[in-house]
Amino acid sequence: MIRYSILRLLIFVVALLILFAVGFRSWALLLLSALVSLVVSFFALRRQREQFADQVQRKVSERQERAAAYRSAEDDDTDE
């Protein structure tokens, strides 16, 4: 997640610098930099985003399995 965030920030800064060099200033510079970095990040960082989503999904699945095992163990204790 940190790597993905740093890459997104880097893309934003590069877009900001390029647009500044082209001549954009004030709020237009920030707005266009945000839009450009959004589009570039969407395509350029797809692999990192998918890896992060897979990691989150694995953690959620593990927690659900542990919760189900705990509930099952609890049910076994109350049956006795």
Protein backbone atom coordinates (compact mmCIF):
# COMPACT_ATOMS: atom_id res chain seq x y z
CA MET A 1 0.00 0.00 0.00
CA ILE A 2 2.81 2.41 0.82
CA ARG A 3 4.53 1.67 -2.47
CA TYR A 4 1.31 2.31 -4.40
CA SER A 5 0.71 5.59 -2.54
CA ILE A 6 4.26 6.78 -3.18
CA LEU A 7 3.96 5.97 -6.87
CA ARG A 8 0.64 7.86 -7.08
CA LEU A 9 2.19 10.86 -5.37
CA LEU A 10 5.20 10.72 -7.70
CA ILE A 11 2.93 10.66 -10.75
CA PHE A 12 1.03 13.67 -9.38
CA VAL A 13 4.25 15.63 -8.78
CA VAL A 14 5.56 14.83 -12.27
CA ALA A 15 2.26 15.93 -13.82
CA LEU A 16 2.37 19.09 -11.69
CA LEU A 17 5.90 19.94 -12.81
CA ILE A 18 5.15 19.29 -16.48
CA LEU A 19 2.00 21.41 -16.42
CA PHE A 20 3.84 24.15 -14.53
CA ALA A 21 6.54 24.16 -17.19
CA VAL A 22 3.88 24.39 -19.88
CA GLY A 23 2.46 27.49 -18.23
CA PHE A 24 -0.48 26.47 -16.06
CA ARG A 25 -0.78 28.31 -12.76
CA SER A 26 -3.07 28.55 -9.68
CA TRP A 27 -6.04 26.22 -9.23
CA ALA A 28 -5.98 25.07 -12.86
CA LEU A 29 -2.51 23.63 -12.28
CA LEU A 30 -3.67 21.59 -9.30
CA LEU A 31 -6.90 20.47 -10.92
CA LEU A 32 -5.28 19.35 -14.17
CA SER A 33 -2.42 17.67 -12.28
CA ALA A 34 -4.93 15.70 -10.25
CA LEU A 35 -6.88 14.65 -13.35
CA VAL A 36 -3.77 13.70 -15.33
CA SER A 37 -2.32 11.73 -12.42
CA LEU A 38 -5.66 9.96 -11.91
CA VAL A 39 -5.76 8.76 -15.51
CA VAL A 40 -2.08 7.82 -15.65
CA SER A 41 -2.27 6.00 -12.30
CA PHE A 42 -5.34 4.07 -13.38
CA PHE A 43 -3.48 2.52 -16.29
CA ALA A 44 0.14 2.55 -15.11
CA LEU A 45 -0.47 1.19 -11.61
CA ARG A 46 -3.06 -1.46 -12.41
CA ARG A 47 -0.77 -4.33 -11.40
CA GLN A 48 0.08 -2.78 -8.02
CA ARG A 49 -3.60 -2.02 -7.36
CA GLU A 50 -4.59 -5.61 -8.18
CA GLN A 51 -1.84 -7.00 -5.94
CA PHE A 52 -3.05 -4.84 -3.08
CA ALA A 53 -6.66 -5.90 -3.66
CA ASP A 54 -5.61 -9.57 -3.62
CA GLN A 55 -3.70 -9.02 -0.38
CA VAL A 56 -6.73 -7.40 1.25
CA GLN A 57 -9.00 -10.20 0.01
CA ARG A 58 -6.67 -12.86 1.47
CA LYS A 59 -6.67 -11.12 4.86
CA VAL A 60 -10.45 -10.82 4.84
CA SER A 61 -10.83 -14.50 3.94
CA GLU A 62 -8.43 -15.53 6.71
CA ARG A 63 -10.35 -13.50 9.27
CA GLN A 64 -13.65 -14.96 8.10
CA GLU A 65 -12.24 -18.49 8.40
CA ARG A 66 -10.94 -17.78 11.90
CA ALA A 67 -14.30 -16.31 12.91
CA ALA A 68 -16.14 -19.36 11.53
CA ALA A 69 -13.76 -21.70 13.37
CA TYR A 70 -14.25 -19.74 16.58
CA ARG A 71 -18.05 -19.86 16.21
CA SER A 72 -17.88 -23.58 15.49
CA ALA A 73 -15.73 -24.17 18.57
CA GLU A 74 -18.14 -22.07 20.62
CA ASP A 75 -21.11 -24.08 19.34
CA ASP A 76 -19.32 -27.33 20.24
CA ASP A 77 -18.77 -26.05 23.78
CA THR A 78 -22.43 -25.12 24.25
CA ASP A 79 -23.64 -28.50 22.96
CA GLU A 80 -21.92 -30.34 25.79
